[in-house]
């Protein structure tokens, strides 16, 4: 597989202002060619 040289950290998405902000960020990142998204079971208690 091919992966974007920039990946999006999951903990900080959980720290974003609200779901609308997260939606906008994820959409913008994917449109720009970013295809790696990180997360963890315990970040912000799920």
ModelCIF file with pLDDT and N, C-alpha, C, O atoms, coordinates in Angstrom:
data_MODEL
#
_entry.id   MODEL 
#
_entity.id                         1 
_entity.type                       polymer 
_entity.pdbx_number_of_molecules   1 
#
_entity_poly.entity_id                      1 
_entity_poly.type                           'polypeptide(L)' 
_entity_poly.nstd_linkage                   no 
_entity_poly.nstd_monomer                   no 
_entity_poly.pdbx_seq_one_letter_code       
;(UNK)(UNK)(UNK)(UNK)(UNK)(UNK)(UNK)(UNK)(UNK)(UNK)(UNK)(UNK)(UNK)(UNK)(UNK)(UNK)
(UNK)(UNK)(UNK)(UNK)(UNK)(UNK)(UNK)(UNK)(UNK)(UNK)(UNK)(UNK)(UNK)(UNK)(UNK)(UNK)
(UNK)(UNK)(UNK)(UNK)(UNK)(UNK)(UNK)(UNK)(UNK)(UNK)(UNK)(UNK)(UNK)(UNK)
;
_entity_poly.pdbx_seq_one_letter_code_can   XXXXXXXXXXXXXXXXXXXXXXXXXXXXXXXXXXXXXXXXXXXXXX 
_entity_poly.pdbx_strand_id                 A 
#
loop_
_entity_poly_seq.entity_id 
_entity_poly_seq.num 
_entity_poly_seq.mon_id 
_entity_poly_seq.hetero 
1 1  UNK n 
1 2  UNK n 
1 3  UNK n 
1 4  UNK n 
1 5  UNK n 
1 6  UNK n 
1 7  UNK n 
1 8  UNK n 
1 9  UNK n 
1 10 UNK n 
1 11 UNK n 
1 12 UNK n 
1 13 UNK n 
1 14 UNK n 
1 15 UNK n 
1 16 UNK n 
1 17 UNK n 
1 18 UNK n 
1 19 UNK n 
1 20 UNK n 
1 21 UNK n 
1 22 UNK n 
1 23 UNK n 
1 24 UNK n 
1 25 UNK n 
1 26 UNK n 
1 27 UNK n 
1 28 UNK n 
1 29 UNK n 
1 30 UNK n 
1 31 UNK n 
1 32 UNK n 
1 33 UNK n 
1 34 UNK n 
1 35 UNK n 
1 36 UNK n 
1 37 UNK n 
1 38 UNK n 
1 39 UNK n 
1 40 UNK n 
1 41 UNK n 
1 42 UNK n 
1 43 UNK n 
1 44 UNK n 
1 45 UNK n 
1 46 UNK n 
#
_struct_asym.id          A 
_struct_asym.entity_id   1 
#
loop_
_ma_qa_metric.id 
_ma_qa_metric.mode 
_ma_qa_metric.name 
_ma_qa_metric.software_group_id 
_ma_qa_metric.type 
1 global pLDDT . pLDDT 
2 local  pLDDT . pLDDT 
#
_ma_qa_metric_global.metric_id      1 
_ma_qa_metric_global.metric_value   97.52 
_ma_qa_metric_global.model_id       1 
_ma_qa_metric_global.ordinal_id     1 
#
loop_
_ma_qa_metric_local.label_asym_id 
_ma_qa_metric_local.label_comp_id 
_ma_qa_metric_local.label_seq_id 
_ma_qa_metric_local.metric_id 
_ma_qa_metric_local.metric_value 
_ma_qa_metric_local.model_id 
_ma_qa_metric_local.ordinal_id 
A UNK 1  2 98.00 1 1  
A UNK 2  2 98.00 1 2  
A UNK 3  2 98.00 1 3  
A UNK 4  2 98.00 1 4  
A UNK 5  2 98.00 1 5  
A UNK 6  2 98.00 1 6  
A UNK 7  2 98.00 1 7  
A UNK 8  2 98.00 1 8  
A UNK 9  2 97.00 1 9  
A UNK 10 2 97.00 1 10 
A UNK 11 2 97.00 1 11 
A UNK 12 2 96.00 1 12 
A UNK 13 2 96.00 1 13 
A UNK 14 2 95.00 1 14 
A UNK 15 2 95.00 1 15 
A UNK 16 2 97.00 1 16 
A UNK 17 2 96.00 1 17 
A UNK 18 2 97.00 1 18 
A UNK 19 2 98.00 1 19 
A UNK 20 2 98.00 1 20 
A UNK 21 2 98.00 1 21 
A UNK 22 2 98.00 1 22 
A UNK 23 2 98.00 1 23 
A UNK 24 2 98.00 1 24 
A UNK 25 2 98.00 1 25 
A UNK 26 2 98.00 1 26 
A UNK 27 2 98.00 1 27 
A UNK 28 2 98.00 1 28 
A UNK 29 2 98.00 1 29 
A UNK 30 2 98.00 1 30 
A UNK 31 2 98.00 1 31 
A UNK 32 2 98.00 1 32 
A UNK 33 2 98.00 1 33 
A UNK 34 2 98.00 1 34 
A UNK 35 2 98.00 1 35 
A UNK 36 2 98.00 1 36 
A UNK 37 2 98.00 1 37 
A UNK 38 2 98.00 1 38 
A UNK 39 2 98.00 1 39 
A UNK 40 2 98.00 1 40 
A UNK 41 2 98.00 1 41 
A UNK 42 2 97.00 1 42 
A UNK 43 2 97.00 1 43 
A UNK 44 2 97.00 1 44 
A UNK 45 2 96.00 1 45 
A UNK 46 2 98.00 1 46 
#
loop_
_atom_site.group_PDB 
_atom_site.id 
_atom_site.type_symbol 
_atom_site.label_atom_id 
_atom_site.label_alt_id 
_atom_site.label_comp_id 
_atom_site.label_asym_id 
_atom_site.label_entity_id 
_atom_site.label_seq_id 
_atom_site.pdbx_PDB_ins_code 
_atom_site.Cartn_x 
_atom_site.Cartn_y 
_atom_site.Cartn_z 
_atom_site.occupancy 
_atom_site.B_iso_or_equiv 
_atom_site.pdbx_formal_charge 
_atom_site.auth_seq_id 
_atom_site.auth_comp_id 
_atom_site.auth_asym_id 
_atom_site.auth_atom_id 
_atom_site.pdbx_PDB_model_num 
ATOM 1   N N  . UNK A 1 1  ? 0.833   -1.201 0.000  1.00 98.00 ? 1  UNK A N  1 
ATOM 2   C CA . UNK A 1 1  ? 0.000   0.000  0.000  1.00 98.00 ? 1  UNK A CA 1 
ATOM 3   C C  . UNK A 1 1  ? 0.870   1.253  0.000  1.00 98.00 ? 1  UNK A C  1 
ATOM 4   O O  . UNK A 1 1  ? 2.050   1.211  0.347  1.00 98.00 ? 1  UNK A O  1 
ATOM 5   N N  . UNK A 1 2  ? 0.265   2.360  -0.393 1.00 98.00 ? 2  UNK A N  1 
ATOM 6   C CA . UNK A 1 2  ? 0.913   3.661  -0.351 1.00 98.00 ? 2  UNK A CA 1 
ATOM 7   C C  . UNK A 1 2  ? 0.259   4.494  0.757  1.00 98.00 ? 2  UNK A C  1 
ATOM 8   O O  . UNK A 1 2  ? -0.959  4.463  0.932  1.00 98.00 ? 2  UNK A O  1 
ATOM 9   N N  . UNK A 1 3  ? 1.074   5.229  1.492  1.00 98.00 ? 3  UNK A N  1 
ATOM 10  C CA . UNK A 1 3  ? 0.572   6.015  2.610  1.00 98.00 ? 3  UNK A CA 1 
ATOM 11  C C  . UNK A 1 3  ? 1.061   7.456  2.489  1.00 98.00 ? 3  UNK A C  1 
ATOM 12  O O  . UNK A 1 3  ? 2.178   7.701  2.034  1.00 98.00 ? 3  UNK A O  1 
ATOM 13  N N  . UNK A 1 4  ? 0.240   8.389  2.889  1.00 98.00 ? 4  UNK A N  1 
ATOM 14  C CA . UNK A 1 4  ? 0.626   9.802  2.863  1.00 98.00 ? 4  UNK A CA 1 
ATOM 15  C C  . UNK A 1 4  ? 1.753   10.051 3.851  1.00 98.00 ? 4  UNK A C  1 
ATOM 16  O O  . UNK A 1 4  ? 1.802   9.416  4.905  1.00 98.00 ? 4  UNK A O  1 
ATOM 17  N N  . UNK A 1 5  ? 2.656   10.964 3.527  1.00 98.00 ? 5  UNK A N  1 
ATOM 18  C CA . UNK A 1 5  ? 3.791   11.249 4.408  1.00 98.00 ? 5  UNK A CA 1 
ATOM 19  C C  . UNK A 1 5  ? 3.349   11.968 5.679  1.00 98.00 ? 5  UNK A C  1 
ATOM 20  O O  . UNK A 1 5  ? 4.111   12.045 6.643  1.00 98.00 ? 5  UNK A O  1 
ATOM 21  N N  . UNK A 1 6  ? 2.134   12.491 5.691  1.00 98.00 ? 6  UNK A N  1 
ATOM 22  C CA . UNK A 1 6  ? 1.552   13.106 6.880  1.00 98.00 ? 6  UNK A CA 1 
ATOM 23  C C  . UNK A 1 6  ? 0.358   12.275 7.333  1.00 98.00 ? 6  UNK A C  1 
ATOM 24  O O  . UNK A 1 6  ? -0.526  11.952 6.540  1.00 98.00 ? 6  UNK A O  1 
ATOM 25  N N  . UNK A 1 7  ? 0.344   11.929 8.634  1.00 98.00 ? 7  UNK A N  1 
ATOM 26  C CA . UNK A 1 7  ? -0.793  11.235 9.217  1.00 98.00 ? 7  UNK A CA 1 
ATOM 27  C C  . UNK A 1 7  ? -1.456  12.098 10.269 1.00 98.00 ? 7  UNK A C  1 
ATOM 28  O O  . UNK A 1 7  ? -0.818  12.975 10.852 1.00 98.00 ? 7  UNK A O  1 
ATOM 29  N N  . UNK A 1 8  ? -2.739  11.852 10.518 1.00 98.00 ? 8  UNK A N  1 
ATOM 30  C CA . UNK A 1 8  ? -3.519  12.654 11.460 1.00 98.00 ? 8  UNK A CA 1 
ATOM 31  C C  . UNK A 1 8  ? -3.603  11.938 12.804 1.00 98.00 ? 8  UNK A C  1 
ATOM 32  O O  . UNK A 1 8  ? -4.087  10.809 12.877 1.00 98.00 ? 8  UNK A O  1 
ATOM 33  N N  . UNK A 1 9  ? -3.137  12.587 13.863 1.00 97.00 ? 9  UNK A N  1 
ATOM 34  C CA . UNK A 1 9  ? -3.156  12.009 15.202 1.00 97.00 ? 9  UNK A CA 1 
ATOM 35  C C  . UNK A 1 9  ? -4.553  11.993 15.801 1.00 97.00 ? 9  UNK A C  1 
ATOM 36  O O  . UNK A 1 9  ? -5.281  12.982 15.727 1.00 97.00 ? 9  UNK A O  1 
ATOM 37  N N  . UNK A 1 10 ? -4.916  10.877 16.387 1.00 97.00 ? 10 UNK A N  1 
ATOM 38  C CA . UNK A 1 10 ? -6.281  10.711 16.894 1.00 97.00 ? 10 UNK A CA 1 
ATOM 39  C C  . UNK A 1 10 ? -6.565  11.413 18.198 1.00 97.00 ? 10 UNK A C  1 
ATOM 40  O O  . UNK A 1 10 ? -7.687  11.874 18.407 1.00 97.00 ? 10 UNK A O  1 
ATOM 41  N N  . UNK A 1 11 ? -5.580  11.513 19.099 1.00 97.00 ? 11 UNK A N  1 
ATOM 42  C CA . UNK A 1 11 ? -5.853  12.150 20.381 1.00 97.00 ? 11 UNK A CA 1 
ATOM 43  C C  . UNK A 1 11 ? -6.279  13.595 20.184 1.00 97.00 ? 11 UNK A C  1 
ATOM 44  O O  . UNK A 1 11 ? -7.195  14.071 20.855 1.00 97.00 ? 11 UNK A O  1 
ATOM 45  N N  . UNK A 1 12 ? -5.632  14.285 19.283 1.00 96.00 ? 12 UNK A N  1 
ATOM 46  C CA . UNK A 1 12 ? -5.923  15.708 19.099 1.00 96.00 ? 12 UNK A CA 1 
ATOM 47  C C  . UNK A 1 12 ? -7.243  15.942 18.383 1.00 96.00 ? 12 UNK A C  1 
ATOM 48  O O  . UNK A 1 12 ? -7.872  16.982 18.576 1.00 96.00 ? 12 UNK A O  1 
ATOM 49  N N  . UNK A 1 13 ? -7.673  14.992 17.557 1.00 96.00 ? 13 UNK A N  1 
ATOM 50  C CA . UNK A 1 13 ? -9.026  15.103 17.001 1.00 96.00 ? 13 UNK A CA 1 
ATOM 51  C C  . UNK A 1 13 ? -10.047 15.073 18.138 1.00 96.00 ? 13 UNK A C  1 
ATOM 52  O O  . UNK A 1 13 ? -11.067 15.762 18.092 1.00 96.00 ? 13 UNK A O  1 
ATOM 53  N N  . UNK A 1 14 ? -9.756  14.267 19.151 1.00 95.00 ? 14 UNK A N  1 
ATOM 54  C CA . UNK A 1 14 ? -10.634 14.228 20.309 1.00 95.00 ? 14 UNK A CA 1 
ATOM 55  C C  . UNK A 1 14 ? -10.592 15.501 21.132 1.00 95.00 ? 14 UNK A C  1 
ATOM 56  O O  . UNK A 1 14 ? -11.494 15.754 21.930 1.00 95.00 ? 14 UNK A O  1 
ATOM 57  N N  . UNK A 1 15 ? -9.553  16.308 20.946 1.00 95.00 ? 15 UNK A N  1 
ATOM 58  C CA . UNK A 1 15 ? -9.420  17.580 21.655 1.00 95.00 ? 15 UNK A CA 1 
ATOM 59  C C  . UNK A 1 15 ? -10.007 18.752 20.875 1.00 95.00 ? 15 UNK A C  1 
ATOM 60  O O  . UNK A 1 15 ? -10.099 19.863 21.396 1.00 95.00 ? 15 UNK A O  1 
ATOM 61  N N  . UNK A 1 16 ? -10.405 18.505 19.623 1.00 97.00 ? 16 UNK A N  1 
ATOM 62  C CA . UNK A 1 16 ? -10.944 19.587 18.793 1.00 97.00 ? 16 UNK A CA 1 
ATOM 63  C C  . UNK A 1 16 ? -12.245 20.131 19.380 1.00 97.00 ? 16 UNK A C  1 
ATOM 64  O O  . UNK A 1 16 ? -12.869 19.501 20.233 1.00 97.00 ? 16 UNK A O  1 
ATOM 65  N N  . UNK A 1 17 ? -12.630 21.285 18.916 1.00 96.00 ? 17 UNK A N  1 
ATOM 66  C CA . UNK A 1 17 ? -13.764 22.019 19.471 1.00 96.00 ? 17 UNK A CA 1 
ATOM 67  C C  . UNK A 1 17 ? -15.046 21.206 19.520 1.00 96.00 ? 17 UNK A C  1 
ATOM 68  O O  . UNK A 1 17 ? -15.722 21.172 20.549 1.00 96.00 ? 17 UNK A O  1 
ATOM 69  N N  . UNK A 1 18 ? -15.385 20.551 18.415 1.00 97.00 ? 18 UNK A N  1 
ATOM 70  C CA . UNK A 1 18 ? -16.644 19.810 18.350 1.00 97.00 ? 18 UNK A CA 1 
ATOM 71  C C  . UNK A 1 18 ? -16.616 18.858 17.159 1.00 97.00 ? 18 UNK A C  1 
ATOM 72  O O  . UNK A 1 18 ? -15.651 18.835 16.396 1.00 97.00 ? 18 UNK A O  1 
ATOM 73  N N  . UNK A 1 19 ? -17.680 18.076 17.007 1.00 98.00 ? 19 UNK A N  1 
ATOM 74  C CA . UNK A 1 19 ? -17.747 17.105 15.917 1.00 98.00 ? 19 UNK A CA 1 
ATOM 75  C C  . UNK A 1 19 ? -17.719 17.786 14.558 1.00 98.00 ? 19 UNK A C  1 
ATOM 76  O O  . UNK A 1 19 ? -17.130 17.259 13.614 1.00 98.00 ? 19 UNK A O  1 
ATOM 77  N N  . UNK A 1 20 ? -18.333 18.923 14.448 1.00 98.00 ? 20 UNK A N  1 
ATOM 78  C CA . UNK A 1 20 ? -18.337 19.643 13.174 1.00 98.00 ? 20 UNK A CA 1 
ATOM 79  C C  . UNK A 1 20 ? -16.921 20.006 12.748 1.00 98.00 ? 20 UNK A C  1 
ATOM 80  O O  . UNK A 1 20 ? -16.574 19.915 11.571 1.00 98.00 ? 20 UNK A O  1 
ATOM 81  N N  . UNK A 1 21 ? -16.107 20.417 13.716 1.00 98.00 ? 21 UNK A N  1 
ATOM 82  C CA . UNK A 1 21 ? -14.713 20.734 13.419 1.00 98.00 ? 21 UNK A CA 1 
ATOM 83  C C  . UNK A 1 21 ? -13.960 19.498 12.962 1.00 98.00 ? 21 UNK A C  1 
ATOM 84  O O  . UNK A 1 21 ? -13.190 19.555 12.004 1.00 98.00 ? 21 UNK A O  1 
ATOM 85  N N  . UNK A 1 22 ? -14.179 18.383 13.641 1.00 98.00 ? 22 UNK A N  1 
ATOM 86  C CA . UNK A 1 22 ? -13.528 17.127 13.270 1.00 98.00 ? 22 UNK A CA 1 
ATOM 87  C C  . UNK A 1 22 ? -13.949 16.718 11.857 1.00 98.00 ? 22 UNK A C  1 
ATOM 88  O O  . UNK A 1 22 ? -13.105 16.327 11.050 1.00 98.00 ? 22 UNK A O  1 
ATOM 89  N N  . UNK A 1 23 ? -15.231 16.802 11.556 1.00 98.00 ? 23 UNK A N  1 
ATOM 90  C CA . UNK A 1 23 ? -15.710 16.459 10.216 1.00 98.00 ? 23 UNK A CA 1 
ATOM 91  C C  . UNK A 1 23 ? -15.012 17.292 9.142  1.00 98.00 ? 23 UNK A C  1 
ATOM 92  O O  . UNK A 1 23 ? -14.590 16.774 8.108  1.00 98.00 ? 23 UNK A O  1 
ATOM 93  N N  . UNK A 1 24 ? -14.900 18.600 9.411  1.00 98.00 ? 24 UNK A N  1 
ATOM 94  C CA . UNK A 1 24 ? -14.272 19.493 8.444  1.00 98.00 ? 24 UNK A CA 1 
ATOM 95  C C  . UNK A 1 24 ? -12.795 19.173 8.277  1.00 98.00 ? 24 UNK A C  1 
ATOM 96  O O  . UNK A 1 24 ? -12.277 19.180 7.160  1.00 98.00 ? 24 UNK A O  1 
ATOM 97  N N  . UNK A 1 25 ? -12.115 18.893 9.384  1.00 98.00 ? 25 UNK A N  1 
ATOM 98  C CA . UNK A 1 25 ? -10.694 18.584 9.317  1.00 98.00 ? 25 UNK A CA 1 
ATOM 99  C C  . UNK A 1 25 ? -10.428 17.283 8.574  1.00 98.00 ? 25 UNK A C  1 
ATOM 100 O O  . UNK A 1 25 ? -9.535  17.216 7.730  1.00 98.00 ? 25 UNK A O  1 
ATOM 101 N N  . UNK A 1 26 ? -11.198 16.256 8.884  1.00 98.00 ? 26 UNK A N  1 
ATOM 102 C CA . UNK A 1 26 ? -11.008 14.966 8.224  1.00 98.00 ? 26 UNK A CA 1 
ATOM 103 C C  . UNK A 1 26 ? -11.304 15.089 6.731  1.00 98.00 ? 26 UNK A C  1 
ATOM 104 O O  . UNK A 1 26 ? -10.555 14.560 5.909  1.00 98.00 ? 26 UNK A O  1 
ATOM 105 N N  . UNK A 1 27 ? -12.373 15.774 6.375  1.00 98.00 ? 27 UNK A N  1 
ATOM 106 C CA . UNK A 1 27 ? -12.699 15.967 4.969  1.00 98.00 ? 27 UNK A CA 1 
ATOM 107 C C  . UNK A 1 27 ? -11.615 16.716 4.220  1.00 98.00 ? 27 UNK A C  1 
ATOM 108 O O  . UNK A 1 27 ? -11.250 16.343 3.105  1.00 98.00 ? 27 UNK A O  1 
ATOM 109 N N  . UNK A 1 28 ? -11.098 17.777 4.834  1.00 98.00 ? 28 UNK A N  1 
ATOM 110 C CA . UNK A 1 28 ? -10.044 18.562 4.203  1.00 98.00 ? 28 UNK A CA 1 
ATOM 111 C C  . UNK A 1 28 ? -8.771  17.742 4.051  1.00 98.00 ? 28 UNK A C  1 
ATOM 112 O O  . UNK A 1 28 ? -8.110  17.809 3.015  1.00 98.00 ? 28 UNK A O  1 
ATOM 113 N N  . UNK A 1 29 ? -8.423  16.969 5.076  1.00 98.00 ? 29 UNK A N  1 
ATOM 114 C CA . UNK A 1 29 ? -7.213  16.151 5.018  1.00 98.00 ? 29 UNK A CA 1 
ATOM 115 C C  . UNK A 1 29 ? -7.313  15.112 3.905  1.00 98.00 ? 29 UNK A C  1 
ATOM 116 O O  . UNK A 1 29 ? -6.377  14.949 3.122  1.00 98.00 ? 29 UNK A O  1 
ATOM 117 N N  . UNK A 1 30 ? -8.442  14.411 3.832  1.00 98.00 ? 30 UNK A N  1 
ATOM 118 C CA . UNK A 1 30 ? -8.612  13.393 2.796  1.00 98.00 ? 30 UNK A CA 1 
ATOM 119 C C  . UNK A 1 30 ? -8.559  14.021 1.411  1.00 98.00 ? 30 UNK A C  1 
ATOM 120 O O  . UNK A 1 30 ? -7.932  13.472 0.505  1.00 98.00 ? 30 UNK A O  1 
ATOM 121 N N  . UNK A 1 31 ? -9.206  15.158 1.239  1.00 98.00 ? 31 UNK A N  1 
ATOM 122 C CA . UNK A 1 31 ? -9.191  15.845 -0.055 1.00 98.00 ? 31 UNK A CA 1 
ATOM 123 C C  . UNK A 1 31 ? -7.776  16.252 -0.463 1.00 98.00 ? 31 UNK A C  1 
ATOM 124 O O  . UNK A 1 31 ? -7.469  16.328 -1.652 1.00 98.00 ? 31 UNK A O  1 
ATOM 125 N N  . UNK A 1 32 ? -6.915  16.514 0.524  1.00 98.00 ? 32 UNK A N  1 
ATOM 126 C CA . UNK A 1 32 ? -5.534  16.922 0.248  1.00 98.00 ? 32 UNK A CA 1 
ATOM 127 C C  . UNK A 1 32 ? -4.605  15.737 0.016  1.00 98.00 ? 32 UNK A C  1 
ATOM 128 O O  . UNK A 1 32 ? -3.426  15.921 -0.284 1.00 98.00 ? 32 UNK A O  1 
ATOM 129 N N  . UNK A 1 33 ? -5.134  14.514 0.154  1.00 98.00 ? 33 UNK A N  1 
ATOM 130 C CA . UNK A 1 33 ? -4.327  13.337 -0.105 1.00 98.00 ? 33 UNK A CA 1 
ATOM 131 C C  . UNK A 1 33 ? -3.862  12.599 1.130  1.00 98.00 ? 33 UNK A C  1 
ATOM 132 O O  . UNK A 1 33 ? -3.164  11.591 1.018  1.00 98.00 ? 33 UNK A O  1 
ATOM 133 N N  . UNK A 1 34 ? -4.235  13.080 2.312  1.00 98.00 ? 34 UNK A N  1 
ATOM 134 C CA . UNK A 1 34 ? -3.866  12.380 3.542  1.00 98.00 ? 34 UNK A CA 1 
ATOM 135 C C  . UNK A 1 34 ? -4.728  11.132 3.668  1.00 98.00 ? 34 UNK A C  1 
ATOM 136 O O  . UNK A 1 34 ? -5.951  11.202 3.555  1.00 98.00 ? 34 UNK A O  1 
ATOM 137 N N  . UNK A 1 35 ? -4.091  9.995  3.900  1.00 98.00 ? 35 UNK A N  1 
ATOM 138 C CA . UNK A 1 35 ? -4.875  8.755  3.995  1.00 98.00 ? 35 UNK A CA 1 
ATOM 139 C C  . UNK A 1 35 ? -4.521  7.913  5.223  1.00 98.00 ? 35 UNK A C  1 
ATOM 140 O O  . UNK A 1 35 ? -4.891  6.741  5.291  1.00 98.00 ? 35 UNK A O  1 
ATOM 141 N N  . UNK A 1 36 ? -3.803  8.500  6.201  1.00 98.00 ? 36 UNK A N  1 
ATOM 142 C CA . UNK A 1 36 ? -3.492  7.747  7.420  1.00 98.00 ? 36 UNK A CA 1 
ATOM 143 C C  . UNK A 1 36 ? -4.102  8.448  8.620  1.00 98.00 ? 36 UNK A C  1 
ATOM 144 O O  . UNK A 1 36 ? -3.858  9.630  8.861  1.00 98.00 ? 36 UNK A O  1 
ATOM 145 N N  . UNK A 1 37 ? -4.911  7.686  9.380  1.00 98.00 ? 37 UNK A N  1 
ATOM 146 C CA . UNK A 1 37 ? -5.576  8.230  10.563 1.00 98.00 ? 37 UNK A CA 1 
ATOM 147 C C  . UNK A 1 37 ? -5.291  7.329  11.761 1.00 98.00 ? 37 UNK A C  1 
ATOM 148 O O  . UNK A 1 37 ? -5.555  6.127  11.746 1.00 98.00 ? 37 UNK A O  1 
ATOM 149 N N  . UNK A 1 38 ? -4.748  7.951  12.787 1.00 98.00 ? 38 UNK A N  1 
ATOM 150 C CA . UNK A 1 38 ? -4.334  7.304  14.027 1.00 98.00 ? 38 UNK A CA 1 
ATOM 151 C C  . UNK A 1 38 ? -5.426  7.443  15.084 1.00 98.00 ? 38 UNK A C  1 
ATOM 152 O O  . UNK A 1 38 ? -6.212  8.390  15.057 1.00 98.00 ? 38 UNK A O  1 
ATOM 153 N N  . UNK A 1 39 ? -5.467  6.486  16.018 1.00 98.00 ? 39 UNK A N  1 
ATOM 154 C CA . UNK A 1 39 ? -6.356  6.603  17.169 1.00 98.00 ? 39 UNK A CA 1 
ATOM 155 C C  . UNK A 1 39 ? -5.927  5.585  18.216 1.00 98.00 ? 39 UNK A C  1 
ATOM 156 O O  . UNK A 1 39 ? -4.954  4.858  18.020 1.00 98.00 ? 39 UNK A O  1 
ATOM 157 N N  . UNK A 1 40 ? -6.655  5.534  19.330 1.00 98.00 ? 40 UNK A N  1 
ATOM 158 C CA . UNK A 1 40 ? -6.412  4.532  20.366 1.00 98.00 ? 40 UNK A CA 1 
ATOM 159 C C  . UNK A 1 40 ? -7.681  4.333  21.173 1.00 98.00 ? 40 UNK A C  1 
ATOM 160 O O  . UNK A 1 40 ? -8.464  5.264  21.363 1.00 98.00 ? 40 UNK A O  1 
ATOM 161 N N  . UNK A 1 41 ? -7.872  3.119  21.643 1.00 98.00 ? 41 UNK A N  1 
ATOM 162 C CA . UNK A 1 41 ? -9.073  2.750  22.404 1.00 98.00 ? 41 UNK A CA 1 
ATOM 163 C C  . UNK A 1 41 ? -9.312  3.679  23.588 1.00 98.00 ? 41 UNK A C  1 
ATOM 164 O O  . UNK A 1 41 ? -10.463 3.974  23.909 1.00 98.00 ? 41 UNK A O  1 
ATOM 165 N N  . UNK A 1 42 ? -8.253  4.146  24.244 1.00 97.00 ? 42 UNK A N  1 
ATOM 166 C CA . UNK A 1 42 ? -8.427  4.908  25.477 1.00 97.00 ? 42 UNK A CA 1 
ATOM 167 C C  . UNK A 1 42 ? -8.446  6.422  25.295 1.00 97.00 ? 42 UNK A C  1 
ATOM 168 O O  . UNK A 1 42 ? -8.693  7.140  26.264 1.00 97.00 ? 42 UNK A O  1 
ATOM 169 N N  . UNK A 1 43 ? -8.196  6.931  24.093 1.00 97.00 ? 43 UNK A N  1 
ATOM 170 C CA . UNK A 1 43 ? -8.173  8.382  23.909 1.00 97.00 ? 43 UNK A CA 1 
ATOM 171 C C  . UNK A 1 43 ? -9.526  8.995  24.252 1.00 97.00 ? 43 UNK A C  1 
ATOM 172 O O  . UNK A 1 43 ? -10.551 8.639  23.671 1.00 97.00 ? 43 UNK A O  1 
ATOM 173 N N  . UNK A 1 44 ? -9.508  9.918  25.202 1.00 97.00 ? 44 UNK A N  1 
ATOM 174 C CA . UNK A 1 44 ? -10.723 10.614 25.628 1.00 97.00 ? 44 UNK A CA 1 
ATOM 175 C C  . UNK A 1 44 ? -11.845 9.636  25.976 1.00 97.00 ? 44 UNK A C  1 
ATOM 176 O O  . UNK A 1 44 ? -13.018 9.876  25.691 1.00 97.00 ? 44 UNK A O  1 
ATOM 177 N N  . UNK A 1 45 ? -11.448 8.533  26.599 1.00 96.00 ? 45 UNK A N  1 
ATOM 178 C CA . UNK A 1 45 ? -12.400 7.505  27.042 1.00 96.00 ? 45 UNK A CA 1 
ATOM 179 C C  . UNK A 1 45 ? -13.308 7.033  25.902 1.00 96.00 ? 45 UNK A C  1 
ATOM 180 O O  . UNK A 1 45 ? -14.499 6.787  26.096 1.00 96.00 ? 45 UNK A O  1 
ATOM 181 N N  . UNK A 1 46 ? -12.723 6.916  24.728 1.00 98.00 ? 46 UNK A N  1 
ATOM 182 C CA . UNK A 1 46 ? -13.450 6.399  23.571 1.00 98.00 ? 46 UNK A CA 1 
ATOM 183 C C  . UNK A 1 46 ? -14.031 7.459  22.655 1.00 98.00 ? 46 UNK A C  1 
ATOM 184 O O  . UNK A 1 46 ? -14.662 7.129  21.651 1.00 98.00 ? 46 UNK A O  1 
#
